[in-house]
Amino acid sequence: MTTLEVKKGLICIDVGHGGRDPGVAYEGIKEKDIVCEIAEKISTLTHRPLLLTRRRDVFLPLRKRVEVANRNDACFFLSLHCNAVPDRLAKGIEAWYFSDTGKRLAELFLDRLFHFATVNRGAKKGRFFVLRKTGCPAVLLGLGFLSNEEDRYRLVDPDWQRLVSIKIAKVLDELCALAIGR
């Protein structure tokens, strides 16, 4: 990753799903709960100005999530998620992006987090609403697969959540050294 000029500003963390939308669920474990725990931990660890799209178990439509970032002039948007698929062997972390800057930032997250994952599934271009409609670079981070026993064990482990939250907070702090222009 090339060092670019600094642009400081507010970071928006989108806490995926919530309320009537549990996201993916497996054996009673809900994505919305895991990502909320991790987002709360991140918010206490980063030195950057930070705004969460939700702090409680409430439903917030995609349009509203994007509005939170755009209305507050966020310089970066990170959406936290878990995965689940019928193939129980699928595992690992992945990061989705839409813009070229988003791609570089997705790769940065994967580079820093691969020690905390079973597999690095790579950075992938996607047309997710929250990636396309934010007025700033955005990354959607899939932290693991609830449908995979090894990933599921990690995702619900408070120690793993704390460690991955520390790493994500460090990446957010590291964004000070990157240009995250619009």
N, C-alpha and C. Protein backbone atom coordinates (compact mmCIF):
# COMPACT_ATOMS: atom_id res chain seq x y z
N MET A 1 0.85 -1.18 0.00
CA MET A 1 0.00 0.00 0.00
C MET A 1 0.89 1.23 0.00
N THR A 2 0.64 2.13 -0.90
CA THR A 2 1.38 3.37 -0.99
C THR A 2 0.88 4.35 0.06
N THR A 3 1.82 5.07 0.70
CA THR A 3 1.42 6.11 1.63
C THR A 3 0.93 7.30 0.83
N LEU A 4 -0.24 7.80 1.20
CA LEU A 4 -0.86 8.90 0.50
C LEU A 4 -1.02 10.06 1.46
N GLU A 5 -1.46 11.21 0.97
CA GLU A 5 -1.60 12.35 1.86
C GLU A 5 -2.78 12.16 2.82
N VAL A 6 -2.71 12.87 3.93
CA VAL A 6 -3.67 12.70 5.02
C VAL A 6 -4.97 13.45 4.75
N LYS A 7 -6.09 12.81 5.07
CA LYS A 7 -7.37 13.49 5.14
C LYS A 7 -8.06 12.98 6.40
N LYS A 8 -8.27 13.87 7.35
CA LYS A 8 -8.88 13.47 8.62
C LYS A 8 -10.37 13.73 8.56
N GLY A 9 -11.10 12.97 9.36
CA GLY A 9 -12.53 13.18 9.44
C GLY A 9 -13.21 12.05 10.19
N LEU A 10 -14.50 12.12 10.22
CA LEU A 10 -15.33 11.17 10.93
C LEU A 10 -15.40 9.84 10.18
N ILE A 11 -15.31 8.75 10.92
CA ILE A 11 -15.48 7.41 10.35
C ILE A 11 -16.84 6.89 10.80
N CYS A 12 -17.59 6.33 9.87
CA CYS A 12 -18.90 5.77 10.17
C CYS A 12 -18.79 4.24 10.13
N ILE A 13 -19.17 3.60 11.23
CA ILE A 13 -19.24 2.14 11.25
C ILE A 13 -20.70 1.74 11.18
N ASP A 14 -21.01 1.01 10.12
CA ASP A 14 -22.35 0.48 9.93
C ASP A 14 -22.43 -0.86 10.64
N VAL A 15 -23.26 -0.93 11.66
CA VAL A 15 -23.45 -2.15 12.43
C VAL A 15 -24.55 -2.93 11.73
N GLY A 16 -24.17 -3.92 10.92
CA GLY A 16 -25.08 -4.63 10.04
C GLY A 16 -26.32 -5.19 10.70
N HIS A 17 -27.43 -5.10 9.96
CA HIS A 17 -28.72 -5.69 10.33
C HIS A 17 -29.28 -5.06 11.61
N GLY A 18 -30.05 -5.78 12.40
CA GLY A 18 -30.63 -5.26 13.62
C GLY A 18 -32.14 -5.32 13.64
N GLY A 19 -32.71 -5.33 14.84
CA GLY A 19 -34.16 -5.38 15.01
C GLY A 19 -34.75 -6.60 14.36
N ARG A 20 -35.75 -6.38 13.50
CA ARG A 20 -36.44 -7.50 12.85
C ARG A 20 -35.58 -8.23 11.82
N ASP A 21 -34.43 -7.65 11.48
CA ASP A 21 -33.50 -8.25 10.50
C ASP A 21 -32.28 -8.79 11.24
N PRO A 22 -32.26 -10.11 11.54
CA PRO A 22 -31.13 -10.66 12.29
C PRO A 22 -29.88 -10.87 11.44
N GLY A 23 -30.00 -10.66 10.12
CA GLY A 23 -28.88 -11.02 9.25
C GLY A 23 -28.85 -12.53 9.16
N VAL A 24 -27.67 -13.10 9.00
CA VAL A 24 -27.59 -14.55 8.99
C VAL A 24 -27.65 -15.06 10.42
N ALA A 25 -28.24 -16.24 10.57
CA ALA A 25 -28.34 -16.86 11.89
C ALA A 25 -28.04 -18.34 11.75
N TYR A 26 -27.43 -18.88 12.77
CA TYR A 26 -27.07 -20.29 12.73
C TYR A 26 -27.03 -20.80 14.16
N GLU A 27 -27.77 -21.87 14.42
CA GLU A 27 -27.82 -22.47 15.76
C GLU A 27 -28.10 -21.44 16.85
N GLY A 28 -29.03 -20.53 16.56
CA GLY A 28 -29.42 -19.52 17.54
C GLY A 28 -28.48 -18.33 17.65
N ILE A 29 -27.40 -18.32 16.90
CA ILE A 29 -26.44 -17.22 16.93
C ILE A 29 -26.80 -16.27 15.78
N LYS A 30 -26.94 -15.00 16.09
CA LYS A 30 -27.38 -14.01 15.10
C LYS A 30 -26.26 -13.04 14.75
N GLU A 31 -26.13 -12.82 13.46
CA GLU A 31 -25.14 -11.87 12.94
C GLU A 31 -25.30 -10.50 13.59
N LYS A 32 -26.53 -10.01 13.74
CA LYS A 32 -26.77 -8.67 14.27
C LYS A 32 -26.16 -8.50 15.66
N ASP A 33 -26.15 -9.57 16.46
CA ASP A 33 -25.61 -9.48 17.82
C ASP A 33 -24.08 -9.46 17.82
N ILE A 34 -23.49 -10.29 16.98
CA ILE A 34 -22.02 -10.37 16.92
C ILE A 34 -21.43 -9.04 16.44
N VAL A 35 -21.99 -8.50 15.35
CA VAL A 35 -21.41 -7.26 14.82
C VAL A 35 -21.65 -6.08 15.75
N CYS A 36 -22.73 -6.11 16.52
CA CYS A 36 -22.97 -5.03 17.48
C CYS A 36 -21.93 -5.09 18.60
N GLU A 37 -21.62 -6.28 19.08
CA GLU A 37 -20.58 -6.45 20.12
C GLU A 37 -19.23 -5.93 19.62
N ILE A 38 -18.87 -6.30 18.41
CA ILE A 38 -17.58 -5.90 17.86
C ILE A 38 -17.54 -4.39 17.63
N ALA A 39 -18.61 -3.82 17.09
CA ALA A 39 -18.65 -2.37 16.85
C ALA A 39 -18.51 -1.59 18.15
N GLU A 40 -19.19 -2.03 19.19
CA GLU A 40 -19.08 -1.35 20.49
C GLU A 40 -17.64 -1.40 21.01
N LYS A 41 -17.00 -2.55 20.86
CA LYS A 41 -15.60 -2.67 21.30
C LYS A 41 -14.71 -1.72 20.50
N ILE A 42 -14.90 -1.69 19.18
CA ILE A 42 -14.10 -0.80 18.32
C ILE A 42 -14.27 0.65 18.77
N SER A 43 -15.50 1.03 19.09
CA SER A 43 -15.77 2.43 19.44
C SER A 43 -15.02 2.88 20.69
N THR A 44 -14.65 1.94 21.54
CA THR A 44 -13.90 2.30 22.75
C THR A 44 -12.39 2.26 22.51
N LEU A 45 -11.96 1.74 21.37
CA LEU A 45 -10.54 1.51 21.13
C LEU A 45 -9.90 2.48 20.15
N THR A 46 -10.66 3.01 19.22
CA THR A 46 -10.07 3.86 18.19
C THR A 46 -9.85 5.28 18.71
N HIS A 47 -8.86 5.94 18.14
CA HIS A 47 -8.57 7.33 18.49
C HIS A 47 -9.16 8.29 17.46
N ARG A 48 -9.85 7.74 16.46
CA ARG A 48 -10.48 8.54 15.41
C ARG A 48 -11.89 8.93 15.80
N PRO A 49 -12.40 10.07 15.33
CA PRO A 49 -13.82 10.39 15.54
C PRO A 49 -14.66 9.31 14.86
N LEU A 50 -15.62 8.76 15.59
CA LEU A 50 -16.34 7.59 15.12
C LEU A 50 -17.84 7.73 15.40
N LEU A 51 -18.65 7.25 14.46
CA LEU A 51 -20.09 7.25 14.59
C LEU A 51 -20.61 5.87 14.20
N LEU A 52 -21.43 5.25 15.05
CA LEU A 52 -22.04 3.95 14.73
C LEU A 52 -23.45 4.19 14.19
N THR A 53 -23.85 3.40 13.19
CA THR A 53 -25.21 3.55 12.64
C THR A 53 -26.26 3.10 13.64
N ARG A 54 -25.91 2.17 14.52
CA ARG A 54 -26.82 1.78 15.60
C ARG A 54 -26.02 1.28 16.79
N ARG A 55 -26.57 1.47 17.98
CA ARG A 55 -25.98 0.97 19.23
C ARG A 55 -26.92 0.01 19.94
N ARG A 56 -28.16 -0.04 19.46
CA ARG A 56 -29.17 -0.93 20.05
C ARG A 56 -29.66 -1.88 18.97
N ASP A 57 -30.47 -2.83 19.38
CA ASP A 57 -31.02 -3.80 18.45
C ASP A 57 -32.25 -3.23 17.77
N VAL A 58 -32.01 -2.33 16.82
CA VAL A 58 -33.09 -1.70 16.06
C VAL A 58 -32.83 -1.91 14.56
N PHE A 59 -33.92 -1.93 13.81
CA PHE A 59 -33.82 -2.05 12.36
C PHE A 59 -33.59 -0.68 11.75
N LEU A 60 -32.62 -0.57 10.87
CA LEU A 60 -32.33 0.67 10.17
C LEU A 60 -32.19 0.33 8.68
N PRO A 61 -33.09 0.84 7.83
CA PRO A 61 -33.00 0.53 6.39
C PRO A 61 -31.66 0.97 5.79
N LEU A 62 -31.28 0.33 4.71
CA LEU A 62 -30.00 0.65 4.05
C LEU A 62 -29.90 2.13 3.72
N ARG A 63 -30.98 2.71 3.23
CA ARG A 63 -30.99 4.13 2.88
C ARG A 63 -30.64 5.00 4.08
N LYS A 64 -31.17 4.65 5.25
CA LYS A 64 -30.89 5.42 6.47
C LYS A 64 -29.44 5.25 6.91
N ARG A 65 -28.88 4.07 6.74
CA ARG A 65 -27.48 3.83 7.10
C ARG A 65 -26.56 4.75 6.27
N VAL A 66 -26.85 4.81 4.99
CA VAL A 66 -26.08 5.67 4.09
C VAL A 66 -26.28 7.14 4.46
N GLU A 67 -27.52 7.52 4.80
CA GLU A 67 -27.80 8.90 5.19
C GLU A 67 -27.00 9.30 6.43
N VAL A 68 -26.84 8.38 7.38
CA VAL A 68 -26.05 8.68 8.58
C VAL A 68 -24.63 9.09 8.18
N ALA A 69 -24.03 8.33 7.29
CA ALA A 69 -22.66 8.64 6.84
C ALA A 69 -22.62 9.94 6.04
N ASN A 70 -23.51 10.08 5.09
CA ASN A 70 -23.49 11.26 4.22
C ASN A 70 -23.86 12.54 4.96
N ARG A 71 -24.85 12.50 5.82
CA ARG A 71 -25.29 13.68 6.57
C ARG A 71 -24.19 14.18 7.51
N ASN A 72 -23.38 13.24 8.03
CA ASN A 72 -22.32 13.61 8.96
C ASN A 72 -20.97 13.78 8.28
N ASP A 73 -20.97 13.79 6.93
CA ASP A 73 -19.77 14.02 6.14
C ASP A 73 -18.64 13.06 6.51
N ALA A 74 -18.97 11.78 6.64
CA ALA A 74 -17.96 10.78 6.97
C ALA A 74 -16.90 10.71 5.89
N CYS A 75 -15.67 10.44 6.30
CA CYS A 75 -14.59 10.29 5.32
C CYS A 75 -14.36 8.82 4.98
N PHE A 76 -14.95 7.91 5.76
CA PHE A 76 -14.84 6.48 5.49
C PHE A 76 -16.03 5.77 6.12
N PHE A 77 -16.51 4.72 5.46
CA PHE A 77 -17.67 3.94 5.90
C PHE A 77 -17.27 2.47 5.95
N LEU A 78 -17.40 1.85 7.12
CA LEU A 78 -17.09 0.43 7.30
C LEU A 78 -18.35 -0.28 7.75
N SER A 79 -18.81 -1.25 6.97
CA SER A 79 -20.00 -2.02 7.30
C SER A 79 -19.56 -3.41 7.79
N LEU A 80 -19.98 -3.78 9.00
CA LEU A 80 -19.56 -5.05 9.62
C LEU A 80 -20.63 -6.12 9.44
N HIS A 81 -20.18 -7.31 9.03
CA HIS A 81 -21.10 -8.43 8.76
C HIS A 81 -20.46 -9.77 9.06
N CYS A 82 -21.31 -10.80 9.11
CA CYS A 82 -20.90 -12.21 9.14
C CYS A 82 -21.57 -12.88 7.94
N ASN A 83 -21.12 -14.05 7.60
CA ASN A 83 -21.68 -14.79 6.48
C ASN A 83 -22.24 -16.13 6.95
N ALA A 84 -23.04 -16.76 6.11
CA ALA A 84 -23.48 -18.15 6.29
C ALA A 84 -23.93 -18.65 4.93
N VAL A 85 -23.55 -19.86 4.59
CA VAL A 85 -23.92 -20.47 3.32
C VAL A 85 -24.21 -21.95 3.57
N PRO A 86 -24.90 -22.62 2.64
CA PRO A 86 -25.17 -24.05 2.82
C PRO A 86 -23.90 -24.90 2.92
N ASP A 87 -22.85 -24.51 2.24
CA ASP A 87 -21.58 -25.24 2.28
C ASP A 87 -20.87 -24.97 3.61
N ARG A 88 -20.90 -25.92 4.52
CA ARG A 88 -20.32 -25.72 5.85
C ARG A 88 -18.80 -25.65 5.85
N LEU A 89 -18.18 -25.91 4.69
CA LEU A 89 -16.72 -25.80 4.60
C LEU A 89 -16.27 -24.39 4.28
N ALA A 90 -17.19 -23.55 3.77
CA ALA A 90 -16.85 -22.16 3.45
C ALA A 90 -16.50 -21.44 4.75
N LYS A 91 -15.37 -20.73 4.73
CA LYS A 91 -14.92 -20.04 5.94
C LYS A 91 -14.01 -18.88 5.57
N GLY A 92 -13.76 -18.02 6.55
CA GLY A 92 -12.79 -16.95 6.38
C GLY A 92 -13.40 -15.56 6.31
N ILE A 93 -12.49 -14.59 6.19
CA ILE A 93 -12.89 -13.19 6.09
C ILE A 93 -12.85 -12.76 4.63
N GLU A 94 -13.66 -11.76 4.32
CA GLU A 94 -13.64 -11.16 3.00
C GLU A 94 -14.04 -9.70 3.13
N ALA A 95 -13.64 -8.91 2.16
CA ALA A 95 -13.98 -7.49 2.17
C ALA A 95 -14.50 -7.12 0.79
N TRP A 96 -15.59 -6.38 0.79
CA TRP A 96 -16.22 -5.93 -0.44
C TRP A 96 -16.03 -4.42 -0.58
N TYR A 97 -15.91 -3.96 -1.82
CA TYR A 97 -15.69 -2.54 -2.12
C TYR A 97 -16.40 -2.21 -3.42
N PHE A 98 -16.54 -0.92 -3.72
CA PHE A 98 -17.09 -0.48 -5.00
C PHE A 98 -16.13 0.42 -5.74
N SER A 99 -15.45 1.32 -5.02
CA SER A 99 -14.54 2.27 -5.66
C SER A 99 -13.09 1.78 -5.62
N ASP A 100 -12.23 2.43 -6.40
CA ASP A 100 -10.80 2.07 -6.38
C ASP A 100 -10.19 2.31 -5.00
N THR A 101 -10.56 3.43 -4.36
CA THR A 101 -10.05 3.70 -3.02
C THR A 101 -10.59 2.66 -2.05
N GLY A 102 -11.86 2.30 -2.21
CA GLY A 102 -12.45 1.24 -1.39
C GLY A 102 -11.68 -0.06 -1.53
N LYS A 103 -11.23 -0.37 -2.75
CA LYS A 103 -10.45 -1.59 -2.95
C LYS A 103 -9.16 -1.55 -2.15
N ARG A 104 -8.44 -0.45 -2.21
CA ARG A 104 -7.18 -0.36 -1.45
C ARG A 104 -7.42 -0.49 0.04
N LEU A 105 -8.52 0.10 0.52
CA LEU A 105 -8.84 0.02 1.94
C LEU A 105 -9.30 -1.38 2.33
N ALA A 106 -10.06 -2.05 1.45
CA ALA A 106 -10.47 -3.44 1.70
C ALA A 106 -9.24 -4.33 1.83
N GLU A 107 -8.27 -4.13 0.94
CA GLU A 107 -7.03 -4.91 0.99
C GLU A 107 -6.25 -4.64 2.27
N LEU A 108 -6.27 -3.39 2.73
CA LEU A 108 -5.60 -3.03 3.97
C LEU A 108 -6.23 -3.79 5.15
N PHE A 109 -7.56 -3.79 5.23
CA PHE A 109 -8.23 -4.52 6.31
C PHE A 109 -7.88 -6.01 6.26
N LEU A 110 -7.94 -6.60 5.09
CA LEU A 110 -7.64 -8.03 4.97
C LEU A 110 -6.19 -8.33 5.36
N ASP A 111 -5.28 -7.46 4.96
CA ASP A 111 -3.87 -7.65 5.30
C ASP A 111 -3.67 -7.65 6.81
N ARG A 112 -4.34 -6.73 7.49
CA ARG A 112 -4.15 -6.60 8.94
C ARG A 112 -4.92 -7.64 9.74
N LEU A 113 -5.99 -8.21 9.16
CA LEU A 113 -6.85 -9.12 9.91
C LEU A 113 -6.64 -10.60 9.59
N PHE A 114 -5.79 -10.93 8.62
CA PHE A 114 -5.72 -12.33 8.20
C PHE A 114 -5.26 -13.26 9.31
N HIS A 115 -4.53 -12.77 10.30
CA HIS A 115 -4.09 -13.61 11.42
C HIS A 115 -5.25 -14.05 12.30
N PHE A 116 -6.37 -13.33 12.21
CA PHE A 116 -7.53 -13.62 13.05
C PHE A 116 -8.59 -14.43 12.31
N ALA A 117 -8.26 -14.92 11.13
CA ALA A 117 -9.24 -15.62 10.31
C ALA A 117 -8.73 -17.00 9.94
N THR A 118 -9.66 -17.85 9.57
CA THR A 118 -9.29 -19.17 9.09
C THR A 118 -8.74 -19.11 7.67
N VAL A 119 -9.31 -18.21 6.86
CA VAL A 119 -8.92 -18.06 5.46
C VAL A 119 -9.12 -16.59 5.06
N ASN A 120 -8.23 -16.07 4.23
CA ASN A 120 -8.43 -14.75 3.63
C ASN A 120 -9.08 -14.98 2.27
N ARG A 121 -10.36 -14.65 2.16
CA ARG A 121 -11.12 -14.88 0.92
C ARG A 121 -10.95 -13.73 -0.08
N GLY A 122 -10.22 -12.69 0.32
CA GLY A 122 -9.88 -11.63 -0.62
C GLY A 122 -10.84 -10.46 -0.66
N ALA A 123 -10.41 -9.44 -1.42
CA ALA A 123 -11.21 -8.24 -1.66
C ALA A 123 -12.00 -8.46 -2.94
N LYS A 124 -13.29 -8.12 -2.90
CA LYS A 124 -14.18 -8.37 -4.03
C LYS A 124 -14.99 -7.13 -4.34
N LYS A 125 -15.13 -6.84 -5.62
CA LYS A 125 -15.94 -5.69 -6.02
C LYS A 125 -17.41 -6.11 -5.95
N GLY A 126 -18.21 -5.23 -5.35
CA GLY A 126 -19.64 -5.50 -5.22
C GLY A 126 -20.46 -4.24 -5.40
N ARG A 127 -21.71 -4.43 -5.73
CA ARG A 127 -22.62 -3.31 -5.96
C ARG A 127 -23.60 -3.14 -4.81
N PHE A 128 -23.20 -3.53 -3.61
CA PHE A 128 -24.08 -3.37 -2.46
C PHE A 128 -24.48 -1.91 -2.30
N PHE A 129 -25.71 -1.68 -1.91
CA PHE A 129 -26.24 -0.32 -1.77
C PHE A 129 -25.35 0.55 -0.91
N VAL A 130 -24.92 0.03 0.24
CA VAL A 130 -24.12 0.85 1.17
C VAL A 130 -22.75 1.18 0.60
N LEU A 131 -22.26 0.40 -0.33
CA LEU A 131 -20.97 0.69 -0.96
C LEU A 131 -21.13 1.73 -2.08
N ARG A 132 -22.23 1.63 -2.81
CA ARG A 132 -22.45 2.52 -3.96
C ARG A 132 -22.95 3.90 -3.58
N LYS A 133 -23.73 4.00 -2.51
CA LYS A 133 -24.45 5.24 -2.22
C LYS A 133 -23.80 6.13 -1.17
N THR A 134 -22.77 5.65 -0.50
CA THR A 134 -22.09 6.54 0.44
C THR A 134 -21.25 7.54 -0.34
N GLY A 135 -21.14 8.74 0.20
CA GLY A 135 -20.36 9.79 -0.46
C GLY A 135 -18.88 9.71 -0.13
N CYS A 136 -18.45 8.60 0.42
CA CYS A 136 -17.05 8.42 0.81
C CYS A 136 -16.65 6.98 0.48
N PRO A 137 -15.36 6.68 0.50
CA PRO A 137 -14.94 5.29 0.29
C PRO A 137 -15.58 4.38 1.35
N ALA A 138 -15.96 3.18 0.92
CA ALA A 138 -16.68 2.27 1.80
C ALA A 138 -16.16 0.84 1.63
N VAL A 139 -16.19 0.11 2.74
CA VAL A 139 -15.81 -1.30 2.74
C VAL A 139 -16.85 -2.06 3.55
N LEU A 140 -17.27 -3.21 3.02
CA LEU A 140 -18.13 -4.13 3.75
C LEU A 140 -17.26 -5.31 4.15
N LEU A 141 -17.10 -5.52 5.44
CA LEU A 141 -16.20 -6.53 5.96
C LEU A 141 -17.00 -7.73 6.47
N GLY A 142 -16.77 -8.90 5.86
CA GLY A 142 -17.37 -10.16 6.33
C GLY A 142 -16.37 -10.83 7.25
N LEU A 143 -16.70 -10.91 8.54
CA LEU A 143 -15.74 -11.36 9.55
C LEU A 143 -15.62 -12.87 9.69
N GLY A 144 -16.48 -13.63 9.04
CA GLY A 144 -16.41 -15.09 9.12
C GLY A 144 -17.77 -15.68 8.82
N PHE A 145 -17.83 -17.02 8.81
CA PHE A 145 -19.04 -17.74 8.44
C PHE A 145 -19.65 -18.43 9.67
N LEU A 146 -20.86 -18.03 10.01
CA LEU A 146 -21.55 -18.70 11.10
C LEU A 146 -21.86 -20.15 10.76
N SER A 147 -21.93 -20.47 9.49
CA SER A 147 -22.23 -21.83 9.04
C SER A 147 -21.01 -22.76 9.13
N ASN A 148 -19.84 -22.22 9.43
CA ASN A 148 -18.62 -23.01 9.58
C ASN A 148 -18.30 -23.11 11.07
N GLU A 149 -18.11 -24.33 11.58
CA GLU A 149 -17.92 -24.54 13.01
C GLU A 149 -16.72 -23.76 13.57
N GLU A 150 -15.60 -23.79 12.86
CA GLU A 150 -14.40 -23.09 13.32
C GLU A 150 -14.60 -21.57 13.36
N ASP A 151 -15.17 -21.01 12.28
CA ASP A 151 -15.45 -19.57 12.26
C ASP A 151 -16.47 -19.20 13.33
N ARG A 152 -17.53 -20.00 13.46
CA ARG A 152 -18.58 -19.71 14.43
C ARG A 152 -18.00 -19.65 15.85
N TYR A 153 -17.12 -20.58 16.17
CA TYR A 153 -16.49 -20.59 17.48
C TYR A 153 -15.73 -19.28 17.72
N ARG A 154 -15.01 -18.83 16.70
CA ARG A 154 -14.26 -17.58 16.82
C ARG A 154 -15.20 -16.38 16.97
N LEU A 155 -16.21 -16.33 16.12
CA LEU A 155 -17.11 -15.17 16.09
C LEU A 155 -17.83 -14.93 17.42
N VAL A 156 -18.11 -15.98 18.16
CA VAL A 156 -18.83 -15.82 19.44
C VAL A 156 -17.88 -15.74 20.64
N ASP A 157 -16.60 -15.95 20.42
CA ASP A 157 -15.62 -15.92 21.50
C ASP A 157 -15.29 -14.47 21.87
N PRO A 158 -15.57 -14.04 23.12
CA PRO A 158 -15.30 -12.65 23.53
C PRO A 158 -13.82 -12.26 23.38
N ASP A 159 -12.91 -13.19 23.59
CA ASP A 159 -11.48 -12.88 23.44
C ASP A 159 -11.15 -12.60 21.98
N TRP A 160 -11.68 -13.42 21.07
CA TRP A 160 -11.45 -13.19 19.64
C TRP A 160 -12.07 -11.86 19.23
N GLN A 161 -13.30 -11.59 19.71
CA GLN A 161 -13.96 -10.33 19.38
C GLN A 161 -13.11 -9.14 19.83
N ARG A 162 -12.54 -9.25 21.02
CA ARG A 162 -11.70 -8.16 21.53
C ARG A 162 -10.46 -7.98 20.67
N LEU A 163 -9.80 -9.08 20.33
CA LEU A 163 -8.57 -8.99 19.52
C LEU A 163 -8.85 -8.44 18.13
N VAL A 164 -9.91 -8.91 17.48
CA VAL A 164 -10.21 -8.41 16.14
C VAL A 164 -10.66 -6.95 16.21
N SER A 165 -11.33 -6.57 17.28
CA SER A 165 -11.74 -5.17 17.46
C SER A 165 -10.53 -4.27 17.62
N ILE A 166 -9.53 -4.75 18.36
CA ILE A 166 -8.29 -3.98 18.51
C ILE A 166 -7.64 -3.77 17.15
N LYS A 167 -7.57 -4.83 16.35
CA LYS A 167 -6.94 -4.72 15.02
C LYS A 167 -7.72 -3.77 14.11
N ILE A 168 -9.05 -3.88 14.12
CA ILE A 168 -9.86 -2.99 13.28
C ILE A 168 -9.67 -1.54 13.73
N ALA A 169 -9.65 -1.31 15.04
CA ALA A 169 -9.43 0.06 15.56
C ALA A 169 -8.08 0.58 15.11
N LYS A 170 -7.06 -0.27 15.12
CA LYS A 170 -5.73 0.16 14.67
C LYS A 170 -5.74 0.51 13.19
N VAL A 171 -6.47 -0.26 12.38
CA VAL A 171 -6.58 0.07 10.96
C VAL A 171 -7.28 1.42 10.80
N LEU A 172 -8.33 1.65 11.56
CA LEU A 172 -9.04 2.93 11.48
C LEU A 172 -8.12 4.08 11.87
N ASP A 173 -7.31 3.86 12.90
CA ASP A 173 -6.35 4.90 13.29
C ASP A 173 -5.30 5.10 12.19
N GLU A 174 -4.94 4.01 11.51
CA GLU A 174 -3.95 4.06 10.45
C GLU A 174 -4.45 4.86 9.24
N LEU A 175 -5.76 4.97 9.11
CA LEU A 175 -6.32 5.72 7.98
C LEU A 175 -5.86 7.17 7.97
N CYS A 176 -5.35 7.65 9.10
CA CYS A 176 -4.80 9.02 9.15
C CYS A 176 -3.68 9.18 8.13
N ALA A 177 -2.97 8.11 7.81
CA ALA A 177 -1.84 8.18 6.91
C ALA A 177 -2.24 7.93 5.46
N LEU A 178 -3.52 7.75 5.21
CA LEU A 178 -3.98 7.47 3.84
C LEU A 178 -4.88 8.58 3.35
N ALA A 179 -4.86 8.82 2.07
CA ALA A 179 -5.83 9.77 1.49
C ALA A 179 -7.11 9.01 1.25
N ILE A 180 -8.16 9.46 1.87
CA ILE A 180 -9.44 8.84 1.61
C ILE A 180 -10.35 9.89 0.99
N GLY A 181 -9.86 10.44 -0.10
CA GLY A 181 -10.59 11.50 -0.77
C GLY A 181 -11.85 10.98 -1.43
N ARG A 182 -12.70 11.87 -1.81
CA ARG A 182 -13.99 11.50 -2.39
C ARG A 182 -13.90 11.40 -3.88
